Full PDB file with SEQRES, HELIX, SHEET, SSBOND, CRYST1, ORIGX, SCALE, CONECT and MASTER records, all heavy atoms in Angstrom:
SEQRES   1 A   29  TRP LEU ILE VAL GLU VAL LEU ALA VAL LEU LEU SER LEU          
SEQRES   2 A   29  TYR LEU VAL THR VAL ASN THR ASP LEU THR THR ILE ASP          
SEQRES   3 A   29  LEU VAL ALA                                                  
HELIX    1 AA1 LEU A    2  LEU A   15  1                                  14    
HELIX    2 AA2 THR A   24  VAL A   28  1                                   5    
CRYST1    1.000    1.000    1.000  90.00  90.00  90.00 P 1           1          
ORIGX1      1.000000  0.000000  0.000000        0.00000                         
ORIGX2      0.000000  1.000000  0.000000        0.00000                         
ORIGX3      0.000000  0.000000  1.000000        0.00000                         
SCALE1      1.000000  0.000000  0.000000        0.00000                         
SCALE2      0.000000  1.000000  0.000000        0.00000                         
SCALE3      0.000000  0.000000  1.000000        0.00000                         
ATOM      1  N   TRP A   1      27.334  73.864 108.677  1.00  0.00           N  
ATOM      2  CA  TRP A   1      26.208  72.918 108.689  1.00  0.00           C  
ATOM      3  C   TRP A   1      25.457  72.975 110.023  1.00  0.00           C  
ATOM      4  O   TRP A   1      24.233  72.811 110.065  1.00  0.00           O  
ATOM      5  CB  TRP A   1      26.707  71.503 108.453  1.00  0.00           C  
ATOM      6  CG  TRP A   1      26.930  71.174 107.008  1.00  0.00           C  
ATOM      7  CD1 TRP A   1      28.097  70.890 106.387  1.00  0.00           C  
ATOM      8  CD2 TRP A   1      25.920  71.126 105.990  1.00  0.00           C  
ATOM      9  NE1 TRP A   1      27.914  70.681 105.057  1.00  0.00           N  
ATOM     10  CE2 TRP A   1      26.569  70.810 104.774  1.00  0.00           C  
ATOM     11  CE3 TRP A   1      24.562  71.301 105.984  1.00  0.00           C  
ATOM     12  CZ2 TRP A   1      25.892  70.684 103.573  1.00  0.00           C  
ATOM     13  CZ3 TRP A   1      23.851  71.178 104.774  1.00  0.00           C  
ATOM     14  CH2 TRP A   1      24.525  70.865 103.609  1.00  0.00           C  
ATOM     15  N   LEU A   2      26.191  73.239 111.131  1.00  0.00           N  
ATOM     16  CA  LEU A   2      25.529  73.381 112.440  1.00  0.00           C  
ATOM     17  C   LEU A   2      24.596  74.600 112.445  1.00  0.00           C  
ATOM     18  O   LEU A   2      23.471  74.523 112.925  1.00  0.00           O  
ATOM     19  CB  LEU A   2      26.579  73.521 113.533  1.00  0.00           C  
ATOM     20  CG  LEU A   2      26.053  73.717 114.959  1.00  0.00           C  
ATOM     21  CD1 LEU A   2      25.306  72.460 115.412  1.00  0.00           C  
ATOM     22  CD2 LEU A   2      27.207  74.021 115.917  1.00  0.00           C  
ATOM     23  N   ILE A   3      25.071  75.699 111.875  1.00  0.00           N  
ATOM     24  CA  ILE A   3      24.235  76.910 111.834  1.00  0.00           C  
ATOM     25  C   ILE A   3      23.018  76.677 110.939  1.00  0.00           C  
ATOM     26  O   ILE A   3      21.886  77.061 111.294  1.00  0.00           O  
ATOM     27  CB  ILE A   3      25.077  78.100 111.290  1.00  0.00           C  
ATOM     28  CG1 ILE A   3      26.202  78.439 112.296  1.00  0.00           C  
ATOM     29  CG2 ILE A   3      24.178  79.312 111.051  1.00  0.00           C  
ATOM     30  CD1 ILE A   3      27.151  79.493 111.769  1.00  0.00           C  
ATOM     31  N   VAL A   4      23.216  76.057 109.802  1.00  0.00           N  
ATOM     32  CA  VAL A   4      22.112  75.773 108.899  1.00  0.00           C  
ATOM     33  C   VAL A   4      21.081  74.863 109.589  1.00  0.00           C  
ATOM     34  O   VAL A   4      19.869  75.080 109.468  1.00  0.00           O  
ATOM     35  CB  VAL A   4      22.613  75.102 107.596  1.00  0.00           C  
ATOM     36  CG1 VAL A   4      21.474  74.533 106.768  1.00  0.00           C  
ATOM     37  CG2 VAL A   4      23.427  76.088 106.781  1.00  0.00           C  
ATOM     38  N   GLU A   5      21.568  73.864 110.311  1.00  0.00           N  
ATOM     39  CA  GLU A   5      20.670  72.940 111.004  1.00  0.00           C  
ATOM     40  C   GLU A   5      19.819  73.681 112.037  1.00  0.00           C  
ATOM     41  O   GLU A   5      18.592  73.483 112.116  1.00  0.00           O  
ATOM     42  CB  GLU A   5      21.481  71.857 111.696  1.00  0.00           C  
ATOM     43  CG  GLU A   5      20.643  70.870 112.476  1.00  0.00           C  
ATOM     44  CD  GLU A   5      21.488  69.877 113.277  1.00  0.00           C  
ATOM     45  OE1 GLU A   5      22.712  69.838 113.067  1.00  0.00           O  
ATOM     46  OE2 GLU A   5      20.916  69.122 114.115  1.00  0.00           O  
ATOM     47  N   VAL A   6      20.462  74.502 112.861  1.00  0.00           N  
ATOM     48  CA  VAL A   6      19.745  75.229 113.900  1.00  0.00           C  
ATOM     49  C   VAL A   6      18.707  76.192 113.285  1.00  0.00           C  
ATOM     50  O   VAL A   6      17.570  76.272 113.746  1.00  0.00           O  
ATOM     51  CB  VAL A   6      20.706  76.020 114.802  1.00  0.00           C  
ATOM     52  CG1 VAL A   6      19.961  76.927 115.766  1.00  0.00           C  
ATOM     53  CG2 VAL A   6      21.594  75.027 115.593  1.00  0.00           C  
ATOM     54  N   LEU A   7      19.096  76.910 112.234  1.00  0.00           N  
ATOM     55  CA  LEU A   7      18.177  77.833 111.559  1.00  0.00           C  
ATOM     56  C   LEU A   7      17.017  77.075 110.972  1.00  0.00           C  
ATOM     57  O   LEU A   7      15.846  77.550 110.990  1.00  0.00           O  
ATOM     58  CB  LEU A   7      18.915  78.620 110.491  1.00  0.00           C  
ATOM     59  CG  LEU A   7      19.950  79.638 111.009  1.00  0.00           C  
ATOM     60  CD1 LEU A   7      20.629  80.315 109.814  1.00  0.00           C  
ATOM     61  CD2 LEU A   7      19.295  80.674 111.916  1.00  0.00           C  
ATOM     62  N   ALA A   8      17.262  75.898 110.385  1.00  0.00           N  
ATOM     63  CA  ALA A   8      16.199  75.112 109.803  1.00  0.00           C  
ATOM     64  C   ALA A   8      15.215  74.649 110.874  1.00  0.00           C  
ATOM     65  O   ALA A   8      14.001  74.646 110.640  1.00  0.00           O  
ATOM     66  CB  ALA A   8      16.791  73.932 109.043  1.00  0.00           C  
ATOM     67  N   VAL A   9      15.715  74.258 111.980  1.00  0.00           N  
ATOM     68  CA  VAL A   9      14.826  73.808 113.082  1.00  0.00           C  
ATOM     69  C   VAL A   9      14.006  74.986 113.611  1.00  0.00           C  
ATOM     70  O   VAL A   9      12.815  74.847 113.871  1.00  0.00           O  
ATOM     71  CB  VAL A   9      15.661  73.166 114.212  1.00  0.00           C  
ATOM     72  CG1 VAL A   9      14.759  72.826 115.401  1.00  0.00           C  
ATOM     73  CG2 VAL A   9      16.360  71.915 113.730  1.00  0.00           C  
ATOM     74  N   LEU A  10      14.651  76.138 113.774  1.00  0.00           N  
ATOM     75  CA  LEU A  10      13.936  77.319 114.236  1.00  0.00           C  
ATOM     76  C   LEU A  10      12.815  77.684 113.265  1.00  0.00           C  
ATOM     77  O   LEU A  10      11.689  78.042 113.671  1.00  0.00           O  
ATOM     78  CB  LEU A  10      14.890  78.505 114.425  1.00  0.00           C  
ATOM     79  CG  LEU A  10      15.844  78.429 115.618  1.00  0.00           C  
ATOM     80  CD1 LEU A  10      16.827  79.573 115.545  1.00  0.00           C  
ATOM     81  CD2 LEU A  10      15.077  78.475 116.930  1.00  0.00           C  
ATOM     82  N   LEU A  11      13.093  77.649 111.966  1.00  0.00           N  
ATOM     83  CA  LEU A  11      12.076  77.942 110.981  1.00  0.00           C  
ATOM     84  C   LEU A  11      10.966  76.916 111.006  1.00  0.00           C  
ATOM     85  O   LEU A  11       9.779  77.278 110.879  1.00  0.00           O  
ATOM     86  CB  LEU A  11      12.732  77.957 109.571  1.00  0.00           C  
ATOM     87  CG  LEU A  11      11.777  78.236 108.388  1.00  0.00           C  
ATOM     88  CD1 LEU A  11      11.110  79.587 108.535  1.00  0.00           C  
ATOM     89  CD2 LEU A  11      12.540  78.145 107.071  1.00  0.00           C  
ATOM     90  N   SER A  12      11.303  75.663 111.185  1.00  0.00           N  
ATOM     91  CA  SER A  12      10.284  74.602 111.254  1.00  0.00           C  
ATOM     92  C   SER A  12       9.386  74.784 112.480  1.00  0.00           C  
ATOM     93  O   SER A  12       8.169  74.621 112.399  1.00  0.00           O  
ATOM     94  CB  SER A  12      10.957  73.236 111.278  1.00  0.00           C  
ATOM     95  OG  SER A  12      11.756  72.988 110.139  1.00  0.00           O  
ATOM     96  N   LEU A  13      10.003  75.136 113.601  1.00  0.00           N  
ATOM     97  CA  LEU A  13       9.186  75.392 114.807  1.00  0.00           C  
ATOM     98  C   LEU A  13       8.247  76.548 114.584  1.00  0.00           C  
ATOM     99  O   LEU A  13       7.104  76.504 115.083  1.00  0.00           O  
ATOM    100  CB  LEU A  13      10.130  75.678 115.986  1.00  0.00           C  
ATOM    101  CG  LEU A  13      10.949  74.487 116.528  1.00  0.00           C  
ATOM    102  CD1 LEU A  13      11.922  74.959 117.579  1.00  0.00           C  
ATOM    103  CD2 LEU A  13      10.059  73.415 117.120  1.00  0.00           C  
ATOM    104  N   TYR A  14       8.693  77.530 113.862  1.00  0.00           N  
ATOM    105  CA  TYR A  14       7.831  78.702 113.580  1.00  0.00           C  
ATOM    106  C   TYR A  14       6.683  78.317 112.656  1.00  0.00           C  
ATOM    107  O   TYR A  14       5.536  78.724 112.887  1.00  0.00           O  
ATOM    108  CB  TYR A  14       8.674  79.837 112.981  1.00  0.00           C  
ATOM    109  CG  TYR A  14       7.859  80.993 112.505  1.00  0.00           C  
ATOM    110  CD1 TYR A  14       7.356  81.947 113.417  1.00  0.00           C  
ATOM    111  CD2 TYR A  14       7.614  81.203 111.135  1.00  0.00           C  
ATOM    112  CE1 TYR A  14       6.604  83.018 112.962  1.00  0.00           C  
ATOM    113  CE2 TYR A  14       6.842  82.252 110.719  1.00  0.00           C  
ATOM    114  CZ  TYR A  14       6.344  83.164 111.615  1.00  0.00           C  
ATOM    115  OH  TYR A  14       5.597  84.227 111.176  1.00  0.00           O  
ATOM    116  N   LEU A  15       7.006  77.560 111.622  1.00  0.00           N  
ATOM    117  CA  LEU A  15       5.977  77.190 110.640  1.00  0.00           C  
ATOM    118  C   LEU A  15       4.931  76.257 111.242  1.00  0.00           C  
ATOM    119  O   LEU A  15       3.736  76.338 110.912  1.00  0.00           O  
ATOM    120  CB  LEU A  15       6.618  76.524 109.428  1.00  0.00           C  
ATOM    121  CG  LEU A  15       7.515  77.450 108.577  1.00  0.00           C  
ATOM    122  CD1 LEU A  15       8.168  76.658 107.459  1.00  0.00           C  
ATOM    123  CD2 LEU A  15       6.728  78.620 108.026  1.00  0.00           C  
ATOM    124  N   VAL A  16       5.398  75.384 112.144  1.00  0.00           N  
ATOM    125  CA  VAL A  16       4.437  74.457 112.759  1.00  0.00           C  
ATOM    126  C   VAL A  16       3.746  75.097 113.947  1.00  0.00           C  
ATOM    127  O   VAL A  16       2.842  74.528 114.547  1.00  0.00           O  
ATOM    128  CB  VAL A  16       5.203  73.168 113.210  1.00  0.00           C  
ATOM    129  CG1 VAL A  16       4.266  72.139 113.819  1.00  0.00           C  
ATOM    130  CG2 VAL A  16       5.889  72.540 112.002  1.00  0.00           C  
ATOM    131  N   THR A  17       4.134  76.311 114.289  1.00  0.00           N  
ATOM    132  CA  THR A  17       3.601  77.075 115.419  1.00  0.00           C  
ATOM    133  C   THR A  17       3.681  76.323 116.721  1.00  0.00           C  
ATOM    134  O   THR A  17       2.672  76.078 117.393  1.00  0.00           O  
ATOM    135  CB  THR A  17       2.144  77.512 115.147  1.00  0.00           C  
ATOM    136  OG1 THR A  17       1.341  76.326 115.008  1.00  0.00           O  
ATOM    137  CG2 THR A  17       2.028  78.354 113.908  1.00  0.00           C  
ATOM    138  N   VAL A  18       4.883  75.904 117.057  1.00  0.00           N  
ATOM    139  CA  VAL A  18       5.123  75.182 118.305  1.00  0.00           C  
ATOM    140  C   VAL A  18       5.486  76.179 119.387  1.00  0.00           C  
ATOM    141  O   VAL A  18       6.455  76.918 119.265  1.00  0.00           O  
ATOM    142  CB  VAL A  18       6.271  74.157 118.131  1.00  0.00           C  
ATOM    143  CG1 VAL A  18       6.561  73.491 119.441  1.00  0.00           C  
ATOM    144  CG2 VAL A  18       5.860  73.133 117.101  1.00  0.00           C  
ATOM    145  N   ASN A  19       4.683  76.225 120.444  1.00  0.00           N  
ATOM    146  CA  ASN A  19       5.015  77.036 121.589  1.00  0.00           C  
ATOM    147  C   ASN A  19       5.839  76.213 122.583  1.00  0.00           C  
ATOM    148  O   ASN A  19       5.329  75.324 123.241  1.00  0.00           O  
ATOM    149  CB  ASN A  19       3.723  77.513 122.289  1.00  0.00           C  
ATOM    150  CG  ASN A  19       2.931  78.442 121.393  1.00  0.00           C  
ATOM    151  OD1 ASN A  19       3.482  79.266 120.688  1.00  0.00           O  
ATOM    152  ND2 ASN A  19       1.613  78.287 121.389  1.00  0.00           N  
ATOM    153  N   THR A  20       7.138  76.479 122.626  1.00  0.00           N  
ATOM    154  CA  THR A  20       8.022  75.678 123.434  1.00  0.00           C  
ATOM    155  C   THR A  20       9.048  76.579 124.128  1.00  0.00           C  
ATOM    156  O   THR A  20       9.284  77.741 123.685  1.00  0.00           O  
ATOM    157  CB  THR A  20       8.764  74.636 122.581  1.00  0.00           C  
ATOM    158  OG1 THR A  20       9.700  73.943 123.388  1.00  0.00           O  
ATOM    159  CG2 THR A  20       9.456  75.289 121.411  1.00  0.00           C  
ATOM    160  N   ASP A  21       9.613  76.078 125.192  1.00  0.00           N  
ATOM    161  CA  ASP A  21      10.635  76.855 125.901  1.00  0.00           C  
ATOM    162  C   ASP A  21      12.024  76.570 125.329  1.00  0.00           C  
ATOM    163  O   ASP A  21      13.030  76.995 125.913  1.00  0.00           O  
ATOM    164  CB  ASP A  21      10.621  76.553 127.402  1.00  0.00           C  
ATOM    165  CG  ASP A  21      10.813  75.076 127.689  1.00  0.00           C  
ATOM    166  OD1 ASP A  21      10.906  74.276 126.739  1.00  0.00           O  
ATOM    167  OD2 ASP A  21      10.884  74.735 128.907  1.00  0.00           O  
ATOM    168  N   LEU A  22      12.105  75.847 124.220  1.00  0.00           N  
ATOM    169  CA  LEU A  22      13.385  75.633 123.542  1.00  0.00           C  
ATOM    170  C   LEU A  22      13.943  76.949 123.060  1.00  0.00           C  
ATOM    171  O   LEU A  22      13.279  77.703 122.346  1.00  0.00           O  
ATOM    172  CB  LEU A  22      13.212  74.699 122.348  1.00  0.00           C  
ATOM    173  CG  LEU A  22      13.323  73.183 122.609  1.00  0.00           C  
ATOM    174  CD1 LEU A  22      13.003  72.415 121.324  1.00  0.00           C  
ATOM    175  CD2 LEU A  22      14.693  72.809 123.114  1.00  0.00           C  
ATOM    176  N   THR A  23      15.178  77.236 123.410  1.00  0.00           N  
ATOM    177  CA  THR A  23      15.851  78.459 122.924  1.00  0.00           C  
ATOM    178  C   THR A  23      16.841  78.114 121.835  1.00  0.00           C  
ATOM    179  O   THR A  23      17.140  76.924 121.587  1.00  0.00           O  
ATOM    180  CB  THR A  23      16.583  79.156 124.090  1.00  0.00           C  
ATOM    181  OG1 THR A  23      17.641  78.310 124.535  1.00  0.00           O  
ATOM    182  CG2 THR A  23      15.614  79.441 125.254  1.00  0.00           C  
ATOM    183  N   THR A  24      17.351  79.150 121.181  1.00  0.00           N  
ATOM    184  CA  THR A  24      18.351  78.898 120.148  1.00  0.00           C  
ATOM    185  C   THR A  24      19.598  78.243 120.745  1.00  0.00           C  
ATOM    186  O   THR A  24      20.200  77.353 120.130  1.00  0.00           O  
ATOM    187  CB  THR A  24      18.747  80.242 119.467  1.00  0.00           C  
ATOM    188  OG1 THR A  24      17.577  80.852 118.960  1.00  0.00           O  
ATOM    189  CG2 THR A  24      19.763  79.990 118.385  1.00  0.00           C  
ATOM    190  N   ILE A  25      19.957  78.642 121.937  1.00  0.00           N  
ATOM    191  CA  ILE A  25      21.141  78.049 122.588  1.00  0.00           C  
ATOM    192  C   ILE A  25      20.879  76.585 122.917  1.00  0.00           C  
ATOM    193  O   ILE A  25      21.788  75.758 122.790  1.00  0.00           O  
ATOM    194  CB  ILE A  25      21.491  78.832 123.882  1.00  0.00           C  
ATOM    195  CG1 ILE A  25      21.745  80.303 123.549  1.00  0.00           C  
ATOM    196  CG2 ILE A  25      22.728  78.239 124.551  1.00  0.00           C  
ATOM    197  CD1 ILE A  25      22.069  81.149 124.748  1.00  0.00           C  
ATOM    198  N   ASP A  26      19.652  76.249 123.299  1.00  0.00           N  
ATOM    199  CA  ASP A  26      19.300  74.858 123.533  1.00  0.00           C  
ATOM    200  C   ASP A  26      19.500  74.023 122.284  1.00  0.00           C  
ATOM    201  O   ASP A  26      20.076  72.927 122.323  1.00  0.00           O  
ATOM    202  CB  ASP A  26      17.821  74.725 123.981  1.00  0.00           C  
ATOM    203  CG  ASP A  26      17.611  75.254 125.393  1.00  0.00           C  
ATOM    204  OD1 ASP A  26      18.585  75.293 126.188  1.00  0.00           O  
ATOM    205  OD2 ASP A  26      16.470  75.654 125.707  1.00  0.00           O  
ATOM    206  N   LEU A  27      19.069  74.567 121.139  1.00  0.00           N  
ATOM    207  CA  LEU A  27      19.187  73.835 119.883  1.00  0.00           C  
ATOM    208  C   LEU A  27      20.642  73.684 119.481  1.00  0.00           C  
ATOM    209  O   LEU A  27      21.035  72.638 118.951  1.00  0.00           O  
ATOM    210  CB  LEU A  27      18.424  74.562 118.791  1.00  0.00           C  
ATOM    211  CG  LEU A  27      16.895  74.587 118.934  1.00  0.00           C  
ATOM    212  CD1 LEU A  27      16.264  75.426 117.841  1.00  0.00           C  
ATOM    213  CD2 LEU A  27      16.321  73.159 118.894  1.00  0.00           C  
ATOM    214  N   VAL A  28      21.465  74.706 119.731  1.00  0.00           N  
ATOM    215  CA  VAL A  28      22.902  74.580 119.462  1.00  0.00           C  
ATOM    216  C   VAL A  28      23.512  73.485 120.320  1.00  0.00           C  
ATOM    217  O   VAL A  28      24.328  72.690 119.862  1.00  0.00           O  
ATOM    218  CB  VAL A  28      23.606  75.931 119.710  1.00  0.00           C  
ATOM    219  CG1 VAL A  28      25.132  75.756 119.642  1.00  0.00           C  
ATOM    220  CG2 VAL A  28      23.144  76.991 118.709  1.00  0.00           C  
ATOM    221  N   ALA A  29      23.105  73.440 121.586  1.00  0.00           N  
ATOM    222  CA  ALA A  29      23.622  72.411 122.501  1.00  0.00           C  
ATOM    223  C   ALA A  29      23.244  71.008 122.035  1.00  0.00           C  
ATOM    224  O   ALA A  29      24.077  70.127 121.920  1.00  0.00           O  
ATOM    225  CB  ALA A  29      23.109  72.649 123.921  1.00  0.00           C  
TER     226      ALA A  29                                                      
MASTER        0    0    0    2    0    0    0    6  225    1    0    3          
END                                                                             
């Protein structure tokens, strides 16, 4: 569920075209 959550957030950031310094490791944290 943690992996699914992080992937979903990454996909959402891509679809909304958010330019942010958030990394995948940040989202895991």
